[in-house]
Amino acid sequence: MKKFNNKNGTLYIIPTPIGNLNDITKRAIKIFKKVDIITTENIQHTNILLKKLKIKKKMFNMQIFNEKKQSKKIIKKLKQKKNIAIVSNAGTPLINDPGYYLIKLCYLNKIKIIPLPGPCAAITALIASGMSSNKFCYEGFLPKKKKKRIKIIKKIKKETRTTILYESPKRIIKCIKDIKKIMGNKKKITLAKELTKKWEKIKKNTTKNILKWLKKNKKNRKGEITIIIKGYKKKKKKKINKKIFKLFNILKKYLKFNKLIKIISKIYKIKKNKLYKKILKYRDKKI
C-alpha cells in the first residue's frame, strides 16, 4: 500500500462535460471551488465552463508538448500544500489527453490522487451503439499516416471485442474507407457525433451505408466523432454429417467419383472442394 504524505496537497482528476454543460456534477463544482489551481489542456475552453459556474481560479496550461515541464511545476505547487484539479478539453482527463506523466510523478512523490466519475465520449457512444458492451477495447485516434492506420485496422479486424475509436472530421472519410476496404461493405459500425449536444447524431449501419451518409452532407462530418466497431465472430467449422458418408458408400457402386461429389454437394449444400477433401480422407481410411 502506497502511503501519502499529508503535508502535500491533493490532485483531483475532474471530468468535464463533452458538450452539454449541464452534465457537470455537484461534486465537481464543489471541488472546483475548493482547489487553488486548475491545470487544463485549453484555458479558454475551461473558462467557458467556469464562467457558467461563476468560479474564478488560477489556471495552468498543460498540453502534450509541455506536459513534462508543466507536471514538474504542478508537483512543486502540490508540495506547497496547494490543492490542484486537472481537467481536459472535454470529458475524462488522460483519455487521449495529457496527464499520465503528472499522475506518475504524484505516485513517486507520495501525493494523493482523487479521481471523480463523469462524462466520457467513448463510454457514452458505446452504451448507445447497440453493440456488445460487456467486453470492449479502446484504440483512441488511428494514425494519420495511411500505412500505419491500415496496419492497426487489420489487427482490429480479428478483434472479438467491440472496438472504440475516435476520429477527426478531416480524416473520417479516409478512416471509414479503410475500415470498409479491410472489414468489408457489410461490417456493422455505429458512428456517434456531437454527443450530448442539440445536434447529436448516432447512426448504426454498415460501413458502406455510413460512408454514403458521410459523403452526402458536410454537416455529417462535423464535430467530435466516435466510431464503435462490432466484434469479429469466428466462423464455426461445419462438421460433415455421417449420413453423407453413408450416401457415398451406397452410390459409389453406381456413379463415378466426380459426379458423386457434385450430387452430394447439391443435396447437402456443401462446397465441392471441401466435400472432395473430406471424402478422399474418408475413402483412404476405409482402404
C-alpha atoms as a PDB file:
ATOM      1  CA  MET A   1       0.000   0.000   0.000  1.00  0.00           C
ATOM      2  CA  LYS A   2       1.305   3.426  -1.011  1.00  0.00           C
ATOM      3  CA  LYS A   3       1.293   5.889   1.905  1.00  0.00           C
ATOM      4  CA  PHE A   4       0.555   9.502   1.007  1.00  0.00           C
ATOM      5  CA  ASN A   5       2.281  12.476   2.604  1.00  0.00           C
ATOM      6  CA  ASN A   6      -0.309  14.596   4.467  1.00  0.00           C
ATOM      7  CA  LYS A   7       1.964  17.623   4.191  1.00  0.00           C
ATOM      8  CA  ASN A   8       1.255  17.773   0.440  1.00  0.00           C
ATOM      9  CA  GLY A   9      -1.821  18.998  -1.419  1.00  0.00           C
ATOM     10  CA  THR A  10      -4.204  16.716  -3.336  1.00  0.00           C
ATOM     11  CA  LEU A  11      -4.589  16.273  -7.091  1.00  0.00           C
ATOM     12  CA  TYR A  12      -8.199  15.915  -8.273  1.00  0.00           C
ATOM     13  CA  ILE A  13      -8.960  14.384 -11.683  1.00  0.00           C
ATOM     14  CA  ILE A  14     -12.197  16.048 -12.802  1.00  0.00           C
ATOM     15  CA  PRO A  15     -14.214  15.034 -15.886  1.00  0.00           C
ATOM     16  CA  THR A  16     -15.992  17.955 -17.581  1.00  0.00           C
ATOM     17  CA  PRO A  17     -18.993  17.938 -19.981  1.00  0.00           C
ATOM     18  CA  ILE A  18     -18.365  16.672 -23.533  1.00  0.00           C
ATOM     19  CA  GLY A  19     -20.992  19.048 -24.928  1.00  0.00           C
ATOM     20  CA  ASN A  20     -23.903  19.804 -22.655  1.00  0.00           C
ATOM     21  CA  LEU A  21     -22.623  21.973 -19.767  1.00  0.00           C
ATOM     22  CA  ASN A  22     -25.497  20.755 -17.560  1.00  0.00           C
ATOM     23  CA  ASP A  23     -23.680  17.413 -17.279  1.00  0.00           C
ATOM     24  CA  ILE A  24     -21.244  18.842 -14.722  1.00  0.00           C
ATOM     25  CA  THR A  25     -21.699  17.113 -11.347  1.00  0.00           C
ATOM     26  CA  LYS A  26     -22.353  18.808  -7.993  1.00  0.00           C
ATOM     27  CA  ARG A  27     -19.230  17.188  -6.619  1.00  0.00           C
ATOM     28  CA  ALA A  28     -17.105  18.560  -9.492  1.00  0.00           C
ATOM     29  CA  ILE A  29     -18.432  22.090  -8.784  1.00  0.00           C
ATOM     30  CA  LYS A  30     -17.620  21.669  -5.084  1.00  0.00           C
ATOM     31  CA  ILE A  31     -14.031  20.610  -5.886  1.00  0.00           C
ATOM     32  CA  PHE A  32     -13.559  23.449  -8.394  1.00  0.00           C
ATOM     33  CA  LYS A  33     -14.475  25.899  -5.625  1.00  0.00           C
ATOM     34  CA  LYS A  34     -12.142  24.185  -3.173  1.00  0.00           C
ATOM     35  CA  VAL A  35      -8.933  23.870  -5.246  1.00  0.00           C
ATOM     36  CA  ASP A  36      -6.247  26.548  -5.520  1.00  0.00           C
ATOM     37  CA  ILE A  37      -5.256  25.872  -9.139  1.00  0.00           C
ATOM     38  CA  ILE A  38      -6.784  24.193 -12.206  1.00  0.00           C
ATOM     39  CA  THR A  39      -4.488  22.657 -14.809  1.00  0.00           C
ATOM     40  CA  THR A  40      -6.154  22.381 -18.197  1.00  0.00           C
ATOM     41  CA  GLU A  41      -5.485  21.451 -21.793  1.00  0.00           C
ATOM     42  CA  ASN A  42      -7.337  24.547 -23.015  1.00  0.00           C
ATOM     43  CA  ILE A  43      -7.666  27.610 -20.725  1.00  0.00           C
ATOM     44  CA  GLN A  44     -10.204  29.400 -22.950  1.00  0.00           C
ATOM     45  CA  HIS A  45     -12.426  26.327 -23.206  1.00  0.00           C
ATOM     46  CA  THR A  46     -12.311  25.677 -19.441  1.00  0.00           C
ATOM     47  CA  ASN A  47     -13.098  29.365 -18.810  1.00  0.00           C
ATOM     48  CA  ILE A  48     -16.451  28.955 -20.603  1.00  0.00           C
ATOM     49  CA  LEU A  49     -17.452  26.316 -18.042  1.00  0.00           C
ATOM     50  CA  LEU A  50     -16.076  28.241 -15.054  1.00  0.00           C
ATOM     51  CA  LYS A  51     -17.904  31.445 -16.090  1.00  0.00           C
ATOM     52  CA  LYS A  52     -21.167  29.490 -16.221  1.00  0.00           C
ATOM     53  CA  LEU A  53     -20.415  28.186 -12.710  1.00  0.00           C
ATOM     54  CA  LYS A  54     -19.327  31.683 -11.550  1.00  0.00           C
ATOM     55  CA  ILE A  55     -15.950  30.379 -10.420  1.00  0.00           C
ATOM     56  CA  LYS A  56     -12.613  32.173 -10.809  1.00  0.00           C
ATOM     57  CA  LYS A  57      -9.374  30.224 -10.440  1.00  0.00           C
ATOM     58  CA  LYS A  58      -5.714  30.434 -11.373  1.00  0.00           C
ATOM     59  CA  MET A  59      -5.060  28.118 -14.321  1.00  0.00           C
ATOM     60  CA  PHE A  60      -2.051  26.290 -15.750  1.00  0.00           C
ATOM     61  CA  ASN A  61      -1.993  25.195 -19.382  1.00  0.00           C
ATOM     62  CA  MET A  62      -0.732  21.653 -19.979  1.00  0.00           C
ATOM     63  CA  GLN A  63      -0.523  20.089 -23.423  1.00  0.00           C
ATOM     64  CA  ILE A  64       1.394  17.138 -24.873  1.00  0.00           C
ATOM     65  CA  PHE A  65       4.371  19.315 -25.961  1.00  0.00           C
ATOM     66  CA  ASN A  66       4.868  20.882 -22.472  1.00  0.00           C
ATOM     67  CA  GLU A  67       3.490  18.043 -20.308  1.00  0.00           C
ATOM     68  CA  LYS A  68       6.758  17.118 -18.560  1.00  0.00           C
ATOM     69  CA  LYS A  69       7.772  20.704 -17.834  1.00  0.00           C
ATOM     70  CA  GLN A  70       4.313  21.698 -16.520  1.00  0.00           C
ATOM     71  CA  SER A  71       3.961  18.482 -14.492  1.00  0.00           C
ATOM     72  CA  LYS A  72       7.134  19.310 -12.548  1.00  0.00           C
ATOM     73  CA  LYS A  73       5.782  22.817 -11.801  1.00  0.00           C
ATOM     74  CA  ILE A  74       2.468  21.335 -10.604  1.00  0.00           C
ATOM     75  CA  ILE A  75       4.293  18.866  -8.322  1.00  0.00           C
ATOM     76  CA  LYS A  76       6.126  21.803  -6.694  1.00  0.00           C
ATOM     77  CA  LYS A  77       2.785  23.526  -6.064  1.00  0.00           C
ATOM     78  CA  LEU A  78       1.298  20.313  -4.615  1.00  0.00           C
ATOM     79  CA  LYS A  79       4.282  20.047  -2.276  1.00  0.00           C
ATOM     80  CA  GLN A  80       3.457  23.571  -1.114  1.00  0.00           C
ATOM     81  CA  LYS A  81       0.086  22.198   0.101  1.00  0.00           C
ATOM     82  CA  LYS A  82      -1.817  23.562  -2.903  1.00  0.00           C
ATOM     83  CA  ASN A  83      -4.855  21.531  -3.981  1.00  0.00           C
ATOM     84  CA  ILE A  84      -4.984  21.181  -7.755  1.00  0.00           C
ATOM     85  CA  ALA A  85      -7.586  19.933 -10.260  1.00  0.00           C
ATOM     86  CA  ILE A  86      -6.685  18.509 -13.662  1.00  0.00           C
ATOM     87  CA  VAL A  87      -9.221  18.784 -16.485  1.00  0.00           C
ATOM     88  CA  SER A  88      -9.060  18.050 -20.210  1.00  0.00           C
ATOM     89  CA  ASN A  89     -10.555  19.962 -23.127  1.00  0.00           C
ATOM     90  CA  ALA A  90     -13.750  17.948 -22.524  1.00  0.00           C
ATOM     91  CA  GLY A  91     -14.640  14.603 -20.968  1.00  0.00           C
ATOM     92  CA  THR A  92     -12.493  12.486 -18.658  1.00  0.00           C
ATOM     93  CA  PRO A  93      -8.847  13.603 -18.357  1.00  0.00           C
ATOM     94  CA  LEU A  94      -5.986  11.340 -19.507  1.00  0.00           C
ATOM     95  CA  ILE A  95      -8.182   9.532 -22.097  1.00  0.00           C
ATOM     96  CA  ASN A  96      -6.229  10.601 -25.195  1.00  0.00           C
ATOM     97  CA  ASP A  97      -5.186  13.750 -23.310  1.00  0.00           C
ATOM     98  CA  PRO A  98      -2.087  14.846 -21.341  1.00  0.00           C
ATOM     99  CA  GLY A  99      -1.837  13.957 -17.638  1.00  0.00           C
ATOM    100  CA  TYR A 100      -0.240  10.486 -17.441  1.00  0.00           C
ATOM    101  CA  TYR A 101       3.211  11.897 -16.610  1.00  0.00           C
ATOM    102  CA  LEU A 102       1.739  14.079 -13.840  1.00  0.00           C
ATOM    103  CA  ILE A 103      -0.052  11.106 -12.246  1.00  0.00           C
ATOM    104  CA  LYS A 104       3.184   9.119 -12.403  1.00  0.00           C
ATOM    105  CA  LEU A 105       5.055  11.926 -10.607  1.00  0.00           C
ATOM    106  CA  CYS A 106       2.319  12.135  -7.953  1.00  0.00           C
ATOM    107  CA  TYR A 107       2.884   8.486  -7.035  1.00  0.00           C
ATOM    108  CA  LEU A 108       6.653   8.981  -6.926  1.00  0.00           C
ATOM    109  CA  ASN A 109       6.194  11.993  -4.613  1.00  0.00           C
ATOM    110  CA  LYS A 110       3.517  10.358  -2.414  1.00  0.00           C
ATOM    111  CA  ILE A 111       0.863  12.881  -3.439  1.00  0.00           C
ATOM    112  CA  LYS A 112      -2.756  11.838  -3.028  1.00  0.00           C
ATOM    113  CA  ILE A 113      -4.878  11.489  -6.182  1.00  0.00           C
ATOM    114  CA  ILE A 114      -8.688  11.652  -6.124  1.00  0.00           C
ATOM    115  CA  PRO A 115     -10.486  10.763  -9.391  1.00  0.00           C
ATOM    116  CA  LEU A 116     -14.096  11.860  -9.956  1.00  0.00           C
ATOM    117  CA  PRO A 117     -16.526   9.943 -12.198  1.00  0.00           C
ATOM    118  CA  GLY A 118     -18.118  11.734 -15.123  1.00  0.00           C
ATOM    119  CA  PRO A 119     -18.554  12.266 -18.874  1.00  0.00           C
ATOM    120  CA  CYS A 120     -16.571  10.225 -21.408  1.00  0.00           C
ATOM    121  CA  ALA A 121     -17.390  10.184 -25.155  1.00  0.00           C
ATOM    122  CA  ALA A 122     -16.102   6.608 -25.606  1.00  0.00           C
ATOM    123  CA  ILE A 123     -18.412   5.115 -22.947  1.00  0.00           C
ATOM    124  CA  THR A 124     -21.360   7.356 -23.884  1.00  0.00           C
ATOM    125  CA  ALA A 125     -21.115   6.206 -27.520  1.00  0.00           C
ATOM    126  CA  LEU A 126     -20.613   2.557 -26.533  1.00  0.00           C
ATOM    127  CA  ILE A 127     -23.764   2.303 -24.407  1.00  0.00           C
ATOM    128  CA  ALA A 128     -25.848   3.820 -27.238  1.00  0.00           C
ATOM    129  CA  SER A 129     -24.208   1.798 -30.036  1.00  0.00           C
ATOM    130  CA  GLY A 130     -26.468  -1.256 -29.942  1.00  0.00           C
ATOM    131  CA  MET A 131     -23.361  -3.448 -29.741  1.00  0.00           C
ATOM    132  CA  SER A 132     -21.944  -5.693 -27.043  1.00  0.00           C
ATOM    133  CA  SER A 133     -20.672  -3.569 -24.145  1.00  0.00           C
ATOM    134  CA  ASN A 134     -19.612  -6.241 -21.639  1.00  0.00           C
ATOM    135  CA  LYS A 135     -16.257  -6.698 -23.425  1.00  0.00           C
ATOM    136  CA  PHE A 136     -14.628  -3.884 -25.382  1.00  0.00           C
ATOM    137  CA  CYS A 137     -11.283  -2.295 -26.234  1.00  0.00           C
ATOM    138  CA  TYR A 138     -10.321   1.336 -26.798  1.00  0.00           C
ATOM    139  CA  GLU A 139      -7.931   2.302 -29.605  1.00  0.00           C
ATOM    140  CA  GLY A 140      -8.240   6.109 -29.462  1.00  0.00           C
ATOM    141  CA  PHE A 141      -7.282   8.011 -32.621  1.00  0.00           C
ATOM    142  CA  LEU A 142      -5.917   5.954 -35.514  1.00  0.00           C
ATOM    143  CA  PRO A 143      -2.578   7.119 -37.007  1.00  0.00           C
ATOM    144  CA  LYS A 144      -2.622   9.933 -39.587  1.00  0.00           C
ATOM    145  CA  LYS A 145      -0.368   8.011 -41.991  1.00  0.00           C
ATOM    146  CA  LYS A 146      -2.253   5.513 -44.147  1.00  0.00           C
ATOM    147  CA  LYS A 147       0.215   2.582 -43.822  1.00  0.00           C
ATOM    148  CA  LYS A 148       0.178   2.722 -40.022  1.00  0.00           C
ATOM    149  CA  ARG A 149      -3.605   3.205 -39.961  1.00  0.00           C
ATOM    150  CA  ILE A 150      -4.221   0.181 -42.205  1.00  0.00           C
ATOM    151  CA  LYS A 151      -1.872  -1.959 -40.095  1.00  0.00           C
ATOM    152  CA  ILE A 152      -3.960  -1.260 -36.966  1.00  0.00           C
ATOM    153  CA  ILE A 153      -7.301  -1.771 -38.779  1.00  0.00           C
ATOM    154  CA  LYS A 154      -6.062  -5.193 -39.954  1.00  0.00           C
ATOM    155  CA  LYS A 155      -5.413  -6.132 -36.313  1.00  0.00           C
ATOM    156  CA  ILE A 156      -8.838  -4.808 -35.252  1.00  0.00           C
ATOM    157  CA  LYS A 157     -10.497  -6.921 -37.975  1.00  0.00           C
ATOM    158  CA  LYS A 158      -9.979 -10.103 -35.928  1.00  0.00           C
ATOM    159  CA  GLU A 159     -10.784  -8.436 -32.558  1.00  0.00           C
ATOM    160  CA  THR A 160     -13.689 -10.325 -30.958  1.00  0.00           C
ATOM    161  CA  ARG A 161     -14.484  -7.484 -28.529  1.00  0.00           C
ATOM    162  CA  THR A 162     -16.303  -4.286 -29.510  1.00  0.00           C
ATOM    163  CA  THR A 163     -13.743  -1.644 -30.563  1.00  0.00           C
ATOM    164  CA  ILE A 164     -13.974   2.093 -29.783  1.00  0.00           C
ATOM    165  CA  LEU A 165     -12.183   4.668 -31.952  1.00  0.00           C
ATOM    166  CA  TYR A 166     -12.026   8.460 -32.077  1.00  0.00           C
ATOM    167  CA  GLU A 167     -11.679  10.318 -35.374  1.00  0.00           C
ATOM    168  CA  SER A 168     -11.435  13.915 -36.569  1.00  0.00           C
ATOM    169  CA  PRO A 169     -13.802  15.435 -39.166  1.00  0.00           C
ATOM    170  CA  LYS A 170     -10.841  15.885 -41.540  1.00  0.00           C
ATOM    171  CA  ARG A 171      -9.948  12.188 -41.582  1.00  0.00           C
ATOM    172  CA  ILE A 172     -13.329  10.492 -41.026  1.00  0.00           C
ATOM    173  CA  ILE A 173     -13.916   9.705 -44.740  1.00  0.00           C
ATOM    174  CA  LYS A 174     -10.432   8.157 -45.123  1.00  0.00           C
ATOM    175  CA  CYS A 175     -10.882   6.197 -41.894  1.00  0.00           C
ATOM    176  CA  ILE A 176     -14.268   4.671 -42.848  1.00  0.00           C
ATOM    177  CA  LYS A 177     -12.980   3.927 -46.379  1.00  0.00           C
ATOM    178  CA  ASP A 178     -10.084   1.951 -44.882  1.00  0.00           C
ATOM    179  CA  ILE A 179     -12.370   0.098 -42.441  1.00  0.00           C
ATOM    180  CA  LYS A 180     -14.728  -0.740 -45.338  1.00  0.00           C
ATOM    181  CA  LYS A 181     -11.863  -1.956 -47.540  1.00  0.00           C
ATOM    182  CA  ILE A 182     -10.372  -4.210 -44.838  1.00  0.00           C
ATOM    183  CA  MET A 183     -13.510  -5.373 -42.974  1.00  0.00           C
ATOM    184  CA  GLY A 184     -15.982  -5.369 -45.873  1.00  0.00           C
ATOM    185  CA  ASN A 185     -19.085  -3.462 -47.033  1.00  0.00           C
ATOM    186  CA  LYS A 186     -21.385  -5.218 -44.569  1.00  0.00           C
ATOM    187  CA  LYS A 187     -19.333  -4.686 -41.410  1.00  0.00           C
ATOM    188  CA  LYS A 188     -21.608  -3.173 -38.725  1.00  0.00           C
ATOM    189  CA  ILE A 189     -20.421   0.063 -37.136  1.00  0.00           C
ATOM    190  CA  THR A 190     -22.005   2.851 -35.086  1.00  0.00           C
ATOM    191  CA  LEU A 191     -20.970   6.446 -35.677  1.00  0.00           C
ATOM    192  CA  ALA A 192     -21.695   8.882 -32.814  1.00  0.00           C
ATOM    193  CA  LYS A 193     -21.012  12.587 -33.274  1.00  0.00           C
ATOM    194  CA  GLU A 194     -21.504  15.700 -31.159  1.00  0.00           C
ATOM    195  CA  LEU A 195     -22.722  13.627 -28.210  1.00  0.00           C
ATOM    196  CA  THR A 196     -24.904  15.426 -25.608  1.00  0.00           C
ATOM    197  CA  LYS A 197     -25.287  18.476 -27.882  1.00  0.00           C
ATOM    198  CA  LYS A 198     -28.555  19.503 -29.571  1.00  0.00           C
ATOM    199  CA  TRP A 199     -27.188  18.353 -32.976  1.00  0.00           C
ATOM    200  CA  GLU A 200     -26.131  14.938 -31.635  1.00  0.00           C
ATOM    201  CA  LYS A 201     -26.260  12.086 -34.195  1.00  0.00           C
ATOM    202  CA  ILE A 202     -25.953   8.351 -33.556  1.00  0.00           C
ATOM    203  CA  LYS A 203     -26.097   6.124 -36.638  1.00  0.00           C
ATOM    204  CA  LYS A 204     -25.779   2.346 -36.691  1.00  0.00           C
ATOM    205  CA  ASN A 205     -25.329   0.759 -40.120  1.00  0.00           C
ATOM    206  CA  THR A 206     -22.899  -0.997 -42.457  1.00  0.00           C
ATOM    207  CA  THR A 207     -19.579   0.621 -43.428  1.00  0.00           C
ATOM    208  CA  LYS A 208     -20.954   1.073 -46.963  1.00  0.00           C
ATOM    209  CA  ASN A 209     -24.064   2.988 -45.814  1.00  0.00           C
ATOM    210  CA  ILE A 210     -22.227   5.058 -43.177  1.00  0.00           C
ATOM    211  CA  LEU A 211     -19.724   6.140 -45.847  1.00  0.00           C
ATOM    212  CA  LYS A 212     -22.588   7.183 -48.160  1.00  0.00           C
ATOM    213  CA  TRP A 213     -24.171   9.197 -45.332  1.00  0.00           C
ATOM    214  CA  LEU A 214     -20.892  10.976 -44.543  1.00  0.00           C
ATOM    215  CA  LYS A 215     -20.338  11.918 -48.184  1.00  0.00           C
ATOM    216  CA  LYS A 216     -23.916  13.140 -48.612  1.00  0.00           C
ATOM    217  CA  ASN A 217     -23.506  16.280 -46.499  1.00  0.00           C
ATOM    218  CA  LYS A 218     -20.534  18.172 -44.984  1.00  0.00           C
ATOM    219  CA  LYS A 219     -22.550  18.689 -41.790  1.00  0.00           C
ATOM    220  CA  ASN A 220     -22.492  14.902 -41.242  1.00  0.00           C
ATOM    221  CA  ARG A 221     -18.704  15.071 -40.869  1.00  0.00           C
ATOM    222  CA  LYS A 222     -18.520  17.976 -38.401  1.00  0.00           C
ATOM    223  CA  GLY A 223     -17.761  17.775 -34.679  1.00  0.00           C
ATOM    224  CA  GLU A 224     -16.281  15.226 -32.300  1.00  0.00           C
ATOM    225  CA  ILE A 225     -16.689  11.704 -33.743  1.00  0.00           C
ATOM    226  CA  THR A 226     -16.651   8.311 -32.023  1.00  0.00           C
ATOM    227  CA  ILE A 227     -16.727   5.045 -34.010  1.00  0.00           C
ATOM    228  CA  ILE A 228     -17.898   1.759 -32.500  1.00  0.00           C
ATOM    229  CA  ILE A 229     -16.970  -1.403 -34.427  1.00  0.00           C
ATOM    230  CA  LYS A 230     -18.785  -4.696 -33.907  1.00  0.00           C
ATOM    231  CA  GLY A 231     -16.534  -7.526 -32.675  1.00  0.00           C
ATOM    232  CA  TYR A 232     -15.362 -10.255 -35.032  1.00  0.00           C
ATOM    233  CA  LYS A 233     -17.302 -13.510 -34.908  1.00  0.00           C
ATOM    234  CA  LYS A 234     -15.295 -16.642 -35.530  1.00  0.00           C
ATOM    235  CA  LYS A 235     -16.931 -18.891 -38.096  1.00  0.00           C
ATOM    236  CA  LYS A 236     -17.775 -22.303 -36.782  1.00  0.00           C
ATOM    237  CA  LYS A 237     -16.397 -25.136 -38.852  1.00  0.00           C
ATOM    238  CA  LYS A 238     -19.241 -27.279 -40.099  1.00  0.00           C
ATOM    239  CA  LYS A 239     -18.731 -30.953 -39.456  1.00  0.00           C
ATOM    240  CA  ILE A 240     -19.771 -33.228 -42.301  1.00  0.00           C
ATOM    241  CA  ASN A 241     -22.683 -35.409 -41.296  1.00  0.00           C
ATOM    242  CA  LYS A 242     -22.200 -39.180 -41.085  1.00  0.00           C
ATOM    243  CA  LYS A 243     -25.230 -39.557 -43.392  1.00  0.00           C
ATOM    244  CA  ILE A 244     -23.137 -38.122 -46.227  1.00  0.00           C
ATOM    245  CA  PHE A 245     -20.574 -40.898 -45.916  1.00  0.00           C
ATOM    246  CA  LYS A 246     -23.375 -43.464 -45.820  1.00  0.00           C
ATOM    247  CA  LEU A 247     -24.832 -41.999 -49.029  1.00  0.00           C
ATOM    248  CA  PHE A 248     -21.367 -42.019 -50.583  1.00  0.00           C
ATOM    249  CA  ASN A 249     -20.969 -45.750 -49.798  1.00  0.00           C
ATOM    250  CA  ILE A 250     -24.331 -46.568 -51.377  1.00  0.00           C
ATOM    251  CA  LEU A 251     -23.899 -44.501 -54.573  1.00  0.00           C
ATOM    252  CA  LYS A 252     -20.197 -45.159 -55.264  1.00  0.00           C
ATOM    253  CA  LYS A 253     -21.161 -48.528 -56.804  1.00  0.00           C
ATOM    254  CA  TYR A 254     -23.292 -46.786 -59.434  1.00  0.00           C
ATOM    255  CA  LEU A 255     -21.633 -43.391 -60.097  1.00  0.00           C
ATOM    256  CA  LYS A 256     -18.194 -42.016 -60.905  1.00  0.00           C
ATOM    257  CA  PHE A 257     -16.376 -40.216 -58.084  1.00  0.00           C
ATOM    258  CA  ASN A 258     -16.540 -36.655 -59.553  1.00  0.00           C
ATOM    259  CA  LYS A 259     -20.224 -36.957 -60.457  1.00  0.00           C
ATOM    260  CA  LEU A 260     -20.961 -38.292 -56.980  1.00  0.00           C
ATOM    261  CA  ILE A 261     -19.259 -35.274 -55.381  1.00  0.00           C
ATOM    262  CA  LYS A 262     -21.411 -32.890 -57.481  1.00  0.00           C
ATOM    263  CA  ILE A 263     -24.650 -34.640 -56.499  1.00  0.00           C
ATOM    264  CA  ILE A 264     -23.854 -34.808 -52.746  1.00  0.00           C
ATOM    265  CA  SER A 265     -22.674 -31.129 -52.663  1.00  0.00           C
ATOM    266  CA  LYS A 266     -26.008 -30.048 -54.196  1.00  0.00           C
ATOM    267  CA  ILE A 267     -28.109 -32.176 -51.823  1.00  0.00           C
ATOM    268  CA  TYR A 268     -26.323 -31.035 -48.628  1.00  0.00           C
ATOM    269  CA  LYS A 269     -25.233 -27.574 -49.869  1.00  0.00           C
ATOM    270  CA  ILE A 270     -21.535 -28.127 -49.155  1.00  0.00           C
ATOM    271  CA  LYS A 271     -18.726 -26.644 -51.234  1.00  0.00           C
ATOM    272  CA  LYS A 272     -17.364 -29.199 -53.701  1.00  0.00           C
ATOM    273  CA  ASN A 273     -13.704 -28.615 -52.734  1.00  0.00           C
ATOM    274  CA  LYS A 274     -14.404 -29.137 -49.041  1.00  0.00           C
ATOM    275  CA  LEU A 275     -16.504 -32.234 -49.691  1.00  0.00           C
ATOM    276  CA  TYR A 276     -13.900 -33.604 -52.103  1.00  0.00           C
ATOM    277  CA  LYS A 277     -11.140 -33.409 -49.467  1.00  0.00           C
ATOM    278  CA  LYS A 278     -13.305 -34.955 -46.727  1.00  0.00           C
ATOM    279  CA  ILE A 279     -14.496 -37.813 -48.938  1.00  0.00           C
ATOM    280  CA  LEU A 280     -10.923 -38.537 -50.029  1.00  0.00           C
ATOM    281  CA  LYS A 281      -9.789 -38.747 -46.394  1.00  0.00           C
ATOM    282  CA  TYR A 282     -12.749 -40.975 -45.560  1.00  0.00           C
ATOM    283  CA  ARG A 283     -12.106 -43.228 -48.592  1.00  0.00           C
ATOM    284  CA  ASP A 284      -8.383 -43.525 -47.813  1.00  0.00           C
ATOM    285  CA  LYS A 285      -9.139 -44.566 -44.220  1.00  0.00           C
ATOM    286  CA  LYS A 286     -11.519 -47.265 -45.438  1.00  0.00           C
ATOM    287  CA  ILE A 287      -8.898 -48.553 -47.923  1.00  0.00           C
END
